[in-house]
Amino acid sequence: MLGKKIGLFRLIFYSISILYASNFFVYAGLDTFTTLDEFDDWTIERKVESQTNQLFCRASMPRYGSWFGSRIRLDSQDKLLYPQYLEKNYEISPELMGKLRNALHKCRSSIIYSSGE
């Protein structure tokens, strides 16, 4: 009898643990930006708007600020933008720009994103 109670307790414990742990992953990327990939100092992030299911993707360099507008970043046309307080002395290599544009294209074209080149 004690063995059945322990088995039932384990089943309940594991079930609750799985439900609790899976709750963390359900909202990843919904209505908030989530990191998908990184290239050098650059981060690729995506958000899925839950009301419209639209994908929003962005690339930026987080080291210049925690708020997106305070970072060196690419705009929606993949052009380099600088925050007003930074001098425009950062140059991006054509190879890195190609990687970033490719990553943003993959991010924007499908909900499935595979990192790598």
PDB file of N, CA and C in Angstrom:
ATOM      1  N   MET A   1       0.824  -1.192   0.000  1.00  0.00           N
ATOM      2  CA  MET A   1       0.000   0.000   0.000  1.00  0.00           C
ATOM      3  C   MET A   1       0.867   1.255   0.000  1.00  0.00           C
ATOM      4  N   LEU A   2       1.941   1.219   0.802  1.00  0.00           N
ATOM      5  CA  LEU A   2       2.842   2.372   0.871  1.00  0.00           C
ATOM      6  C   LEU A   2       3.524   2.601  -0.470  1.00  0.00           C
ATOM      7  N   GLY A   3       3.862   1.537  -1.175  1.00  0.00           N
ATOM      8  CA  GLY A   3       4.500   1.648  -2.489  1.00  0.00           C
ATOM      9  C   GLY A   3       3.597   2.333  -3.508  1.00  0.00           C
ATOM     10  N   LYS A   4       2.277   2.043  -3.455  1.00  0.00           N
ATOM     11  CA  LYS A   4       1.331   2.686  -4.372  1.00  0.00           C
ATOM     12  C   LYS A   4       1.224   4.177  -4.084  1.00  0.00           C
ATOM     13  N   LYS A   5       1.249   4.544  -2.789  1.00  0.00           N
ATOM     14  CA  LYS A   5       1.160   5.962  -2.420  1.00  0.00           C
ATOM     15  C   LYS A   5       2.400   6.720  -2.881  1.00  0.00           C
ATOM     16  N   ILE A   6       3.562   6.094  -2.737  1.00  0.00           N
ATOM     17  CA  ILE A   6       4.808   6.737  -3.186  1.00  0.00           C
ATOM     18  C   ILE A   6       4.794   6.891  -4.706  1.00  0.00           C
ATOM     19  N   GLY A   7       4.335   5.867  -5.409  1.00  0.00           N
ATOM     20  CA  GLY A   7       4.241   5.935  -6.868  1.00  0.00           C
ATOM     21  C   GLY A   7       3.279   7.026  -7.322  1.00  0.00           C
ATOM     22  N   LEU A   8       2.137   7.133  -6.639  1.00  0.00           N
ATOM     23  CA  LEU A   8       1.163   8.172  -6.962  1.00  0.00           C
ATOM     24  C   LEU A   8       1.742   9.554  -6.663  1.00  0.00           C
ATOM     25  N   PHE A   9       2.431   9.678  -5.538  1.00  0.00           N
ATOM     26  CA  PHE A   9       3.062  10.952  -5.177  1.00  0.00           C
ATOM     27  C   PHE A   9       4.087  11.362  -6.241  1.00  0.00           C
ATOM     28  N   ARG A  10       4.905  10.415  -6.678  1.00  0.00           N
ATOM     29  CA  ARG A  10       5.906  10.714  -7.716  1.00  0.00           C
ATOM     30  C   ARG A  10       5.239  11.157  -9.014  1.00  0.00           C
ATOM     31  N   LEU A  11       4.188  10.462  -9.403  1.00  0.00           N
ATOM     32  CA  LEU A  11       3.466  10.813 -10.622  1.00  0.00           C
ATOM     33  C   LEU A  11       2.915  12.236 -10.533  1.00  0.00           C
ATOM     34  N   ILE A  12       2.295  12.565  -9.420  1.00  0.00           N
ATOM     35  CA  ILE A  12       1.755  13.915  -9.228  1.00  0.00           C
ATOM     36  C   ILE A  12       2.882  14.935  -9.213  1.00  0.00           C
ATOM     37  N   PHE A  13       3.947  14.638  -8.503  1.00  0.00           N
ATOM     38  CA  PHE A  13       5.087  15.559  -8.417  1.00  0.00           C
ATOM     39  C   PHE A  13       5.694  15.822  -9.795  1.00  0.00           C
ATOM     40  N   TYR A  14       5.938  14.772 -10.570  1.00  0.00           N
ATOM     41  CA  TYR A  14       6.521  14.935 -11.906  1.00  0.00           C
ATOM     42  C   TYR A  14       5.570  15.681 -12.843  1.00  0.00           C
ATOM     43  N   SER A  15       4.286  15.385 -12.734  1.00  0.00           N
ATOM     44  CA  SER A  15       3.305  16.075 -13.582  1.00  0.00           C
ATOM     45  C   SER A  15       3.280  17.569 -13.288  1.00  0.00           C
ATOM     46  N   ILE A  16       3.263  17.923 -12.018  1.00  0.00           N
ATOM     47  CA  ILE A  16       3.270  19.343 -11.635  1.00  0.00           C
ATOM     48  C   ILE A  16       4.578  19.998 -12.047  1.00  0.00           C
ATOM     49  N   SER A  17       5.680  19.293 -11.877  1.00  0.00           N
ATOM     50  CA  SER A  17       6.982  19.842 -12.273  1.00  0.00           C
ATOM     51  C   SER A  17       7.034  20.134 -13.767  1.00  0.00           C
ATOM     52  N   ILE A  18       6.537  19.221 -14.569  1.00  0.00           N
ATOM     53  CA  ILE A  18       6.537  19.412 -16.027  1.00  0.00           C
ATOM     54  C   ILE A  18       5.640  20.582 -16.410  1.00  0.00           C
ATOM     55  N   LEU A  19       4.465  20.661 -15.818  1.00  0.00           N
ATOM     56  CA  LEU A  19       3.567  21.781 -16.114  1.00  0.00           C
ATOM     57  C   LEU A  19       4.187  23.111 -15.701  1.00  0.00           C
ATOM     58  N   TYR A  20       4.805  23.140 -14.546  1.00  0.00           N
ATOM     59  CA  TYR A  20       5.431  24.369 -14.057  1.00  0.00           C
ATOM     60  C   TYR A  20       6.597  24.781 -14.951  1.00  0.00           C
ATOM     61  N   ALA A  21       7.441  23.833 -15.310  1.00  0.00           N
ATOM     62  CA  ALA A  21       8.609  24.141 -16.146  1.00  0.00           C
ATOM     63  C   ALA A  21       8.190  24.547 -17.553  1.00  0.00           C
ATOM     64  N   SER A  22       7.185  23.903 -18.107  1.00  0.00           N
ATOM     65  CA  SER A  22       6.765  24.238 -19.468  1.00  0.00           C
ATOM     66  C   SER A  22       6.120  25.612 -19.539  1.00  0.00           C
ATOM     67  N   ASN A  23       5.620  26.105 -18.436  1.00  0.00           N
ATOM     68  CA  ASN A  23       5.004  27.429 -18.409  1.00  0.00           C
ATOM     69  C   ASN A  23       6.007  28.525 -18.736  1.00  0.00           C
ATOM     70  N   PHE A  24       7.278  28.318 -18.447  1.00  0.00           N
ATOM     71  CA  PHE A  24       8.302  29.312 -18.740  1.00  0.00           C
ATOM     72  C   PHE A  24       8.529  29.457 -20.240  1.00  0.00           C
ATOM     73  N   PHE A  25       8.337  28.402 -20.998  1.00  0.00           N
ATOM     74  CA  PHE A  25       8.641  28.413 -22.415  1.00  0.00           C
ATOM     75  C   PHE A  25       7.449  28.809 -23.282  1.00  0.00           C
ATOM     76  N   VAL A  26       6.267  28.761 -22.735  1.00  0.00           N
ATOM     77  CA  VAL A  26       5.069  29.049 -23.509  1.00  0.00           C
ATOM     78  C   VAL A  26       5.062  30.488 -24.009  1.00  0.00           C
ATOM     79  N   TYR A  27       5.507  31.425 -23.187  1.00  0.00           N
ATOM     80  CA  TYR A  27       5.413  32.832 -23.540  1.00  0.00           C
ATOM     81  C   TYR A  27       6.692  33.400 -24.136  1.00  0.00           C
ATOM     82  N   ALA A  28       7.688  32.591 -24.388  1.00  0.00           N
ATOM     83  CA  ALA A  28       8.947  33.086 -24.948  1.00  0.00           C
ATOM     84  C   ALA A  28       8.694  33.707 -26.308  1.00  0.00           C
ATOM     85  N   GLY A  29       9.020  34.971 -26.440  1.00  0.00           N
ATOM     86  CA  GLY A  29       8.862  35.658 -27.706  1.00  0.00           C
ATOM     87  C   GLY A  29       7.476  36.217 -27.966  1.00  0.00           C
ATOM     88  N   LEU A  30       6.514  35.963 -27.095  1.00  0.00           N
ATOM     89  CA  LEU A  30       5.189  36.533 -27.264  1.00  0.00           C
ATOM     90  C   LEU A  30       5.148  37.896 -26.597  1.00  0.00           C
ATOM     91  N   ASP A  31       4.899  38.912 -27.392  1.00  0.00           N
ATOM     92  CA  ASP A  31       4.747  40.288 -26.915  1.00  0.00           C
ATOM     93  C   ASP A  31       5.981  40.838 -26.215  1.00  0.00           C
ATOM     94  N   THR A  32       7.085  40.164 -26.326  1.00  0.00           N
ATOM     95  CA  THR A  32       8.352  40.657 -25.792  1.00  0.00           C
ATOM     96  C   THR A  32       9.481  40.092 -26.657  1.00  0.00           C
ATOM     97  N   PHE A  33      10.542  40.849 -26.793  1.00  0.00           N
ATOM     98  CA  PHE A  33      11.643  40.396 -27.642  1.00  0.00           C
ATOM     99  C   PHE A  33      12.466  39.323 -26.939  1.00  0.00           C
ATOM    100  N   THR A  34      12.818  38.294 -27.699  1.00  0.00           N
ATOM    101  CA  THR A  34      13.624  37.177 -27.224  1.00  0.00           C
ATOM    102  C   THR A  34      14.840  37.040 -28.135  1.00  0.00           C
ATOM    103  N   THR A  35      15.997  36.797 -27.538  1.00  0.00           N
ATOM    104  CA  THR A  35      17.223  36.632 -28.317  1.00  0.00           C
ATOM    105  C   THR A  35      17.175  35.327 -29.108  1.00  0.00           C
ATOM    106  N   LEU A  36      17.445  35.438 -30.419  1.00  0.00           N
ATOM    107  CA  LEU A  36      17.491  34.262 -31.291  1.00  0.00           C
ATOM    108  C   LEU A  36      18.910  33.853 -31.639  1.00  0.00           C
ATOM    109  N   ASP A  37      19.773  34.857 -31.846  1.00  0.00           N
ATOM    110  CA  ASP A  37      21.104  34.573 -32.355  1.00  0.00           C
ATOM    111  C   ASP A  37      22.037  35.720 -31.995  1.00  0.00           C
ATOM    112  N   GLU A  38      23.335  35.457 -32.104  1.00  0.00           N
ATOM    113  CA  GLU A  38      24.345  36.482 -31.844  1.00  0.00           C
ATOM    114  C   GLU A  38      25.470  36.360 -32.859  1.00  0.00           C
ATOM    115  N   PHE A  39      25.938  37.503 -33.334  1.00  0.00           N
ATOM    116  CA  PHE A  39      27.071  37.596 -34.248  1.00  0.00           C
ATOM    117  C   PHE A  39      27.992  38.677 -33.717  1.00  0.00           C
ATOM    118  N   ASP A  40      29.210  38.319 -33.366  1.00  0.00           N
ATOM    119  CA  ASP A  40      30.158  39.272 -32.780  1.00  0.00           C
ATOM    120  C   ASP A  40      29.477  39.974 -31.608  1.00  0.00           C
ATOM    121  N   ASP A  41      29.348  41.294 -31.665  1.00  0.00           N
ATOM    122  CA  ASP A  41      28.689  42.053 -30.596  1.00  0.00           C
ATOM    123  C   ASP A  41      27.207  42.277 -30.871  1.00  0.00           C
ATOM    124  N   TRP A  42      26.702  41.726 -31.936  1.00  0.00           N
ATOM    125  CA  TRP A  42      25.327  41.957 -32.362  1.00  0.00           C
ATOM    126  C   TRP A  42      24.390  40.866 -31.860  1.00  0.00           C
ATOM    127  N   THR A  43      23.148  41.267 -31.565  1.00  0.00           N
ATOM    128  CA  THR A  43      22.111  40.349 -31.119  1.00  0.00           C
ATOM    129  C   THR A  43      20.919  40.435 -32.069  1.00  0.00           C
ATOM    130  N   ILE A  44      20.406  39.286 -32.466  1.00  0.00           N
ATOM    131  CA  ILE A  44      19.188  39.198 -33.273  1.00  0.00           C
ATOM    132  C   ILE A  44      18.061  38.816 -32.319  1.00  0.00           C
ATOM    133  N   GLU A  45      16.985  39.609 -32.327  1.00  0.00           N
ATOM    134  CA  GLU A  45      15.855  39.361 -31.428  1.00  0.00           C
ATOM    135  C   GLU A  45      14.557  39.314 -32.227  1.00  0.00           C
ATOM    136  N   ARG A  46      13.579  38.590 -31.672  1.00  0.00           N
ATOM    137  CA  ARG A  46      12.268  38.501 -32.318  1.00  0.00           C
ATOM    138  C   ARG A  46      11.165  38.582 -31.275  1.00  0.00           C
ATOM    139  N   LYS A  47      10.061  39.162 -31.724  1.00  0.00           N
ATOM    140  CA  LYS A  47       8.840  39.222 -30.916  1.00  0.00           C
ATOM    141  C   LYS A  47       7.689  38.784 -31.809  1.00  0.00           C
ATOM    142  N   VAL A  48       6.773  37.998 -31.246  1.00  0.00           N
ATOM    143  CA  VAL A  48       5.538  37.637 -31.934  1.00  0.00           C
ATOM    144  C   VAL A  48       4.415  38.359 -31.205  1.00  0.00           C
ATOM    145  N   GLU A  49       3.702  39.205 -31.930  1.00  0.00           N
ATOM    146  CA  GLU A  49       2.580  39.923 -31.327  1.00  0.00           C
ATOM    147  C   GLU A  49       1.404  38.959 -31.219  1.00  0.00           C
ATOM    148  N   SER A  50       0.960  38.702 -29.997  1.00  0.00           N
ATOM    149  CA  SER A  50      -0.043  37.661 -29.769  1.00  0.00           C
ATOM    150  C   SER A  50      -1.406  37.995 -30.371  1.00  0.00           C
ATOM    151  N   GLN A  51      -1.751  39.261 -30.474  1.00  0.00           N
ATOM    152  CA  GLN A  51      -3.058  39.634 -31.014  1.00  0.00           C
ATOM    153  C   GLN A  51      -3.141  39.451 -32.528  1.00  0.00           C
ATOM    154  N   THR A  52      -2.039  39.716 -33.229  1.00  0.00           N
ATOM    155  CA  THR A  52      -2.051  39.677 -34.697  1.00  0.00           C
ATOM    156  C   THR A  52      -1.168  38.583 -35.290  1.00  0.00           C
ATOM    157  N   ASN A  53      -0.378  37.919 -34.463  1.00  0.00           N
ATOM    158  CA  ASN A  53       0.590  36.906 -34.893  1.00  0.00           C
ATOM    159  C   ASN A  53       1.650  37.463 -35.838  1.00  0.00           C
ATOM    160  N   GLN A  54       1.901  38.763 -35.785  1.00  0.00           N
ATOM    161  CA  GLN A  54       2.944  39.377 -36.598  1.00  0.00           C
ATOM    162  C   GLN A  54       4.304  39.129 -35.974  1.00  0.00           C
ATOM    163  N   LEU A  55       5.311  38.932 -36.842  1.00  0.00           N
ATOM    164  CA  LEU A  55       6.691  38.776 -36.402  1.00  0.00           C
ATOM    165  C   LEU A  55       7.400  40.120 -36.486  1.00  0.00           C
ATOM    166  N   PHE A  56       8.147  40.461 -35.448  1.00  0.00           N
ATOM    167  CA  PHE A  56       8.986  41.647 -35.437  1.00  0.00           C
ATOM    168  C   PHE A  56      10.402  41.204 -35.106  1.00  0.00           C
ATOM    169  N   CYS A  57      11.346  41.550 -35.961  1.00  0.00           N
ATOM    170  CA  CYS A  57      12.733  41.145 -35.779  1.00  0.00           C
ATOM    171  C   CYS A  57      13.619  42.379 -35.761  1.00  0.00           C
ATOM    172  N   ARG A  58      14.695  42.300 -34.990  1.00  0.00           N
ATOM    173  CA  ARG A  58      15.615  43.429 -34.914  1.00  0.00           C
ATOM    174  C   ARG A  58      17.022  42.948 -34.625  1.00  0.00           C
ATOM    175  N   ALA A  59      17.987  43.801 -34.989  1.00  0.00           N
ATOM    176  CA  ALA A  59      19.407  43.530 -34.740  1.00  0.00           C
ATOM    177  C   ALA A  59      19.995  44.756 -34.066  1.00  0.00           C
ATOM    178  N   SER A  60      20.779  44.532 -33.012  1.00  0.00           N
ATOM    179  CA  SER A  60      21.380  45.656 -32.294  1.00  0.00           C
ATOM    180  C   SER A  60      22.625  45.203 -31.547  1.00  0.00           C
ATOM    181  N   MET A  61      23.357  46.208 -31.047  1.00  0.00           N
ATOM    182  CA  MET A  61      24.544  45.961 -30.221  1.00  0.00           C
ATOM    183  C   MET A  61      24.206  46.356 -28.783  1.00  0.00           C
ATOM    184  N   PRO A  62      23.897  45.402 -27.907  1.00  0.00           N
ATOM    185  CA  PRO A  62      23.455  45.703 -26.549  1.00  0.00           C
ATOM    186  C   PRO A  62      24.469  46.427 -25.673  1.00  0.00           C
ATOM    187  N   ARG A  63      25.730  46.408 -26.019  1.00  0.00           N
ATOM    188  CA  ARG A  63      26.733  46.988 -25.124  1.00  0.00           C
ATOM    189  C   ARG A  63      26.598  48.499 -24.965  1.00  0.00           C
ATOM    190  N   TYR A  64      25.866  49.159 -25.856  1.00  0.00           N
ATOM    191  CA  TYR A  64      25.729  50.607 -25.761  1.00  0.00           C
ATOM    192  C   TYR A  64      24.530  51.047 -24.940  1.00  0.00           C
ATOM    193  N   GLY A  65      23.698  50.148 -24.517  1.00  0.00           N
ATOM    194  CA  GLY A  65      22.559  50.523 -23.688  1.00  0.00           C
ATOM    195  C   GLY A  65      21.582  49.385 -23.533  1.00  0.00           C
ATOM    196  N   SER A  66      20.797  49.423 -22.466  1.00  0.00           N
ATOM    197  CA  SER A  66      19.826  48.367 -22.225  1.00  0.00           C
ATOM    198  C   SER A  66      18.536  48.610 -23.000  1.00  0.00           C
ATOM    199  N   TRP A  67      18.264  49.854 -23.331  1.00  0.00           N
ATOM    200  CA  TRP A  67      17.074  50.182 -24.105  1.00  0.00           C
ATOM    201  C   TRP A  67      17.433  50.141 -25.579  1.00  0.00           C
ATOM    202  N   PHE A  68      16.578  49.591 -26.401  1.00  0.00           N
ATOM    203  CA  PHE A  68      16.879  49.386 -27.820  1.00  0.00           C
ATOM    204  C   PHE A  68      17.255  50.685 -28.526  1.00  0.00           C
ATOM    205  N   GLY A  69      16.585  51.771 -28.225  1.00  0.00           N
ATOM    206  CA  GLY A  69      16.861  53.055 -28.870  1.00  0.00           C
ATOM    207  C   GLY A  69      18.213  53.636 -28.527  1.00  0.00           C
ATOM    208  N   SER A  70      18.855  53.125 -27.498  1.00  0.00           N
ATOM    209  CA  SER A  70      20.170  53.638 -27.103  1.00  0.00           C
ATOM    210  C   SER A  70      21.309  52.789 -27.662  1.00  0.00           C
ATOM    211  N   ARG A  71      20.997  51.894 -28.579  1.00  0.00           N
ATOM    212  CA  ARG A  71      21.999  50.994 -29.160  1.00  0.00           C
ATOM    213  C   ARG A  71      22.282  51.342 -30.619  1.00  0.00           C
ATOM    214  N   ILE A  72      23.472  50.950 -31.072  1.00  0.00           N
ATOM    215  CA  ILE A  72      23.707  50.924 -32.514  1.00  0.00           C
ATOM    216  C   ILE A  72      22.866  49.763 -33.030  1.00  0.00           C
ATOM    217  N   ARG A  73      22.109  49.994 -34.106  1.00  0.00           N
ATOM    218  CA  ARG A  73      21.144  48.989 -34.543  1.00  0.00           C
ATOM    219  C   ARG A  73      20.876  49.115 -36.038  1.00  0.00           C
ATOM    220  N   LEU A  74      20.159  48.148 -36.561  1.00  0.00           N
ATOM    221  CA  LEU A  74      19.699  48.197 -37.947  1.00  0.00           C
ATOM    222  C   LEU A  74      18.216  48.549 -37.940  1.00  0.00           C
ATOM    223  N   ASP A  75      17.801  49.424 -38.864  1.00  0.00           N
ATOM    224  CA  ASP A  75      16.386  49.772 -38.952  1.00  0.00           C
ATOM    225  C   ASP A  75      15.633  48.720 -39.769  1.00  0.00           C
ATOM    226  N   SER A  76      14.371  48.970 -40.046  1.00  0.00           N
ATOM    227  CA  SER A  76      13.549  47.985 -40.764  1.00  0.00           C
ATOM    228  C   SER A  76      14.009  47.776 -42.205  1.00  0.00           C
ATOM    229  N   GLN A  77      14.813  48.709 -42.725  1.00  0.00           N
ATOM    230  CA  GLN A  77      15.385  48.569 -44.066  1.00  0.00           C
ATOM    231  C   GLN A  77      16.829  48.067 -44.005  1.00  0.00           C
ATOM    232  N   ASP A  78      17.255  47.621 -42.832  1.00  0.00           N
ATOM    233  CA  ASP A  78      18.605  47.094 -42.580  1.00  0.00           C
ATOM    234  C   ASP A  78      19.696  48.143 -42.774  1.00  0.00           C
ATOM    235  N   LYS A  79      19.383  49.389 -42.459  1.00  0.00           N
ATOM    236  CA  LYS A  79      20.386  50.458 -42.507  1.00  0.00           C
ATOM    237  C   LYS A  79      20.867  50.738 -41.095  1.00  0.00           C
ATOM    238  N   LEU A  80      22.145  51.072 -40.976  1.00  0.00           N
ATOM    239  CA  LEU A  80      22.779  51.308 -39.687  1.00  0.00           C
ATOM    240  C   LEU A  80      22.274  52.604 -39.057  1.00  0.00           C
ATOM    241  N   LEU A  81      21.819  52.525 -37.799  1.00  0.00           N
ATOM    242  CA  LEU A  81      21.369  53.691 -37.042  1.00  0.00           C
ATOM    243  C   LEU A  81      22.218  53.833 -35.787  1.00  0.00           C
ATOM    244  N   TYR A  82      22.507  55.075 -35.426  1.00  0.00           N
ATOM    245  CA  TYR A  82      23.288  55.373 -34.232  1.00  0.00           C
ATOM    246  C   TYR A  82      22.429  56.170 -33.263  1.00  0.00           C
ATOM    247  N   PRO A  83      22.576  55.943 -31.957  1.00  0.00           N
ATOM    248  CA  PRO A  83      21.916  56.821 -30.996  1.00  0.00           C
ATOM    249  C   PRO A  83      22.523  58.226 -31.107  1.00  0.00           C
ATOM    250  N   GLN A  84      21.764  59.240 -30.756  1.00  0.00           N
ATOM    251  CA  GLN A  84      22.223  60.617 -30.912  1.00  0.00           C
ATOM    252  C   GLN A  84      23.483  60.909 -30.111  1.00  0.00           C
ATOM    253  N   TYR A  85      23.648  60.268 -28.976  1.00  0.00           N
ATOM    254  CA  TYR A  85      24.782  60.597 -28.110  1.00  0.00           C
ATOM    255  C   TYR A  85      26.086  59.909 -28.523  1.00  0.00           C
ATOM    256  N   LEU A  86      26.051  59.005 -29.483  1.00  0.00           N
ATOM    257  CA  LEU A  86      27.264  58.312 -29.924  1.00  0.00           C
ATOM    258  C   LEU A  86      27.794  58.920 -31.215  1.00  0.00           C
ATOM    259  N   GLU A  87      29.100  58.983 -31.305  1.00  0.00           N
ATOM    260  CA  GLU A  87      29.709  59.409 -32.560  1.00  0.00           C
ATOM    261  C   GLU A  87      29.570  58.284 -33.581  1.00  0.00           C
ATOM    262  N   LYS A  88      29.475  58.651 -34.830  1.00  0.00           N
ATOM    263  CA  LYS A  88      29.276  57.660 -35.894  1.00  0.00           C
ATOM    264  C   LYS A  88      30.617  57.141 -36.394  1.00  0.00           C
ATOM    265  N   ASN A  89      31.391  56.578 -35.491  1.00  0.00           N
ATOM    266  CA  ASN A  89      32.707  56.076 -35.884  1.00  0.00           C
ATOM    267  C   ASN A  89      32.753  54.550 -35.964  1.00  0.00           C
ATOM    268  N   TYR A  90      31.634  53.892 -35.751  1.00  0.00           N
ATOM    269  CA  TYR A  90      31.588  52.435 -35.845  1.00  0.00           C
ATOM    270  C   TYR A  90      31.396  52.043 -37.303  1.00  0.00           C
ATOM    271  N   GLU A  91      32.229  51.164 -37.780  1.00  0.00           N
ATOM    272  CA  GLU A  91      32.082  50.651 -39.142  1.00  0.00           C
ATOM    273  C   GLU A  91      31.812  49.159 -39.068  1.00  0.00           C
ATOM    274  N   ILE A  92      30.919  48.726 -39.901  1.00  0.00           N
ATOM    275  CA  ILE A  92      30.555  47.315 -39.931  1.00  0.00           C
ATOM    276  C   ILE A  92      31.116  46.699 -41.209  1.00  0.00           C
ATOM    277  N   SER A  93      31.716  45.539 -41.069  1.00  0.00           N
ATOM    278  CA  SER A  93      32.300  44.882 -42.244  1.00  0.00           C
ATOM    279  C   SER A  93      31.189  44.368 -43.160  1.00  0.00           C
ATOM    280  N   PRO A  94      31.439  44.328 -44.452  1.00  0.00           N
ATOM    281  CA  PRO A  94      30.436  43.785 -45.379  1.00  0.00           C
ATOM    282  C   PRO A  94      30.051  42.341 -45.040  1.00  0.00           C
ATOM    283  N   GLU A  95      31.014  41.565 -44.556  1.00  0.00           N
ATOM    284  CA  GLU A  95      30.730  40.170 -44.187  1.00  0.00           C
ATOM    285  C   GLU A  95      29.745  40.105 -43.022  1.00  0.00           C
ATOM    286  N   LEU A  96      29.987  40.913 -41.976  1.00  0.00           N
ATOM    287  CA  LEU A  96      29.089  40.925 -40.826  1.00  0.00           C
ATOM    288  C   LEU A  96      27.719  41.471 -41.219  1.00  0.00           C
ATOM    289  N   MET A  97      27.690  42.520 -42.026  1.00  0.00           N
ATOM    290  CA  MET A  97      26.410  43.076 -42.477  1.00  0.00           C
ATOM    291  C   MET A  97      25.621  42.022 -43.243  1.00  0.00           C
ATOM    292  N   GLY A  98      26.297  41.223 -44.053  1.00  0.00           N
ATOM    293  CA  GLY A  98      25.632  40.137 -44.777  1.00  0.00           C
ATOM    294  C   GLY A  98      25.038  39.104 -43.833  1.00  0.00           C
ATOM    295  N   LYS A  99      25.783  38.742 -42.796  1.00  0.00           N
ATOM    296  CA  LYS A  99      25.284  37.783 -41.803  1.00  0.00           C
ATOM    297  C   LYS A  99      24.050  38.324 -41.092  1.00  0.00           C
ATOM    298  N   LEU A 100      24.111  39.609 -40.706  1.00  0.00           N
ATOM    299  CA  LEU A 100      22.984  40.217 -40.001  1.00  0.00           C
ATOM    300  C   LEU A 100      21.748  40.291 -40.898  1.00  0.00           C
ATOM    301  N   ARG A 101      21.934  40.720 -42.126  1.00  0.00           N
ATOM    302  CA  ARG A 101      20.802  40.802 -43.060  1.00  0.00           C
ATOM    303  C   ARG A 101      20.204  39.420 -43.325  1.00  0.00           C
ATOM    304  N   ASN A 102      21.049  38.417 -43.460  1.00  0.00           N
ATOM    305  CA  ASN A 102      20.576  37.051 -43.671  1.00  0.00           C
ATOM    306  C   ASN A 102      19.781  36.565 -42.455  1.00  0.00           C
ATOM    307  N   ALA A 103      20.305  36.830 -41.264  1.00  0.00           N
ATOM    308  CA  ALA A 103      19.610  36.417 -40.040  1.00  0.00           C
ATOM    309  C   ALA A 103      18.264  37.125 -39.913  1.00  0.00           C
ATOM    310  N   LEU A 104      18.229  38.422 -40.216  1.00  0.00           N
ATOM    311  CA  LEU A 104      16.963  39.155 -40.152  1.00  0.00           C
ATOM    312  C   LEU A 104      15.974  38.640 -41.197  1.00  0.00           C
ATOM    313  N   HIS A 105      16.461  38.317 -42.371  1.00  0.00           N
ATOM    314  CA  HIS A 105      15.585  37.763 -43.412  1.00  0.00           C
ATOM    315  C   HIS A 105      14.981  36.434 -42.947  1.00  0.00           C
ATOM    316  N   LYS A 106      15.809  35.549 -42.380  1.00  0.00           N
ATOM    317  CA  LYS A 106      15.309  34.264 -41.873  1.00  0.00           C
ATOM    318  C   LYS A 106      14.306  34.487 -40.750  1.00  0.00           C
ATOM    319  N   CYS A 107      14.604  35.444 -39.881  1.00  0.00           N
ATOM    320  CA  CYS A 107      13.732  35.741 -38.751  1.00  0.00           C
ATOM    321  C   CYS A 107      12.369  36.232 -39.223  1.00  0.00           C
ATOM    322  N   ARG A 108      12.371  37.111 -40.210  1.00  0.00           N
ATOM    323  CA  ARG A 108      11.126  37.727 -40.692  1.00  0.00           C
ATOM    324  C   ARG A 108      10.302  36.800 -41.587  1.00  0.00           C
ATOM    325  N   SER A 109      10.945  35.811 -42.197  1.00  0.00           N
ATOM    326  CA  SER A 109      10.251  34.992 -43.192  1.00  0.00           C
ATOM    327  C   SER A 109       9.543  33.767 -42.620  1.00  0.00           C
ATOM    328  N   SER A 110       9.889  33.361 -41.406  1.00  0.00           N
ATOM    329  CA  SER A 110       9.293  32.142 -40.862  1.00  0.00           C
ATOM    330  C   SER A 110       9.344  32.160 -39.339  1.00  0.00           C
ATOM    331  N   ILE A 111       8.388  31.497 -38.727  1.00  0.00           N
ATOM    332  CA  ILE A 111       8.392  31.363 -37.269  1.00  0.00           C
ATOM    333  C   ILE A 111       9.530  30.449 -36.823  1.00  0.00           C
ATOM    334  N   ILE A 112       9.989  29.579 -37.725  1.00  0.00           N
ATOM    335  CA  ILE A 112      11.097  28.674 -37.412  1.00  0.00           C
ATOM    336  C   ILE A 112      12.394  29.359 -37.793  1.00  0.00           C
ATOM    337  N   TYR A 113      13.278  29.494 -36.823  1.00  0.00           N
ATOM    338  CA  TYR A 113      14.573  30.136 -37.059  1.00  0.00           C
ATOM    339  C   TYR A 113      15.665  29.154 -36.683  1.00  0.00           C
ATOM    340  N   SER A 114      16.578  28.916 -37.611  1.00  0.00           N
ATOM    341  CA  SER A 114      17.728  28.073 -37.293  1.00  0.00           C
ATOM    342  C   SER A 114      18.967  28.945 -37.332  1.00  0.00           C
ATOM    343  N   SER A 115      19.730  28.904 -36.265  1.00  0.00           N
ATOM    344  CA  SER A 115      20.940  29.719 -36.215  1.00  0.00           C
ATOM    345  C   SER A 115      21.997  29.113 -37.122  1.00  0.00           C
ATOM    346  N   GLY A 116      22.996  29.893 -37.401  1.00  0.00           N
ATOM    347  CA  GLY A 116      24.052  29.445 -38.298  1.00  0.00           C
ATOM    348  C   GLY A 116      23.936  30.144 -39.626  1.00  0.00           C
ATOM    349  N   GLU A 117      24.867  29.830 -40.484  1.00  0.00           N
ATOM    350  CA  GLU A 117      24.925  30.550 -41.762  1.00  0.00           C
ATOM    351  C   GLU A 117      24.421  29.768 -42.917  1.00  0.00           C
TER     352      GLU A 117
END
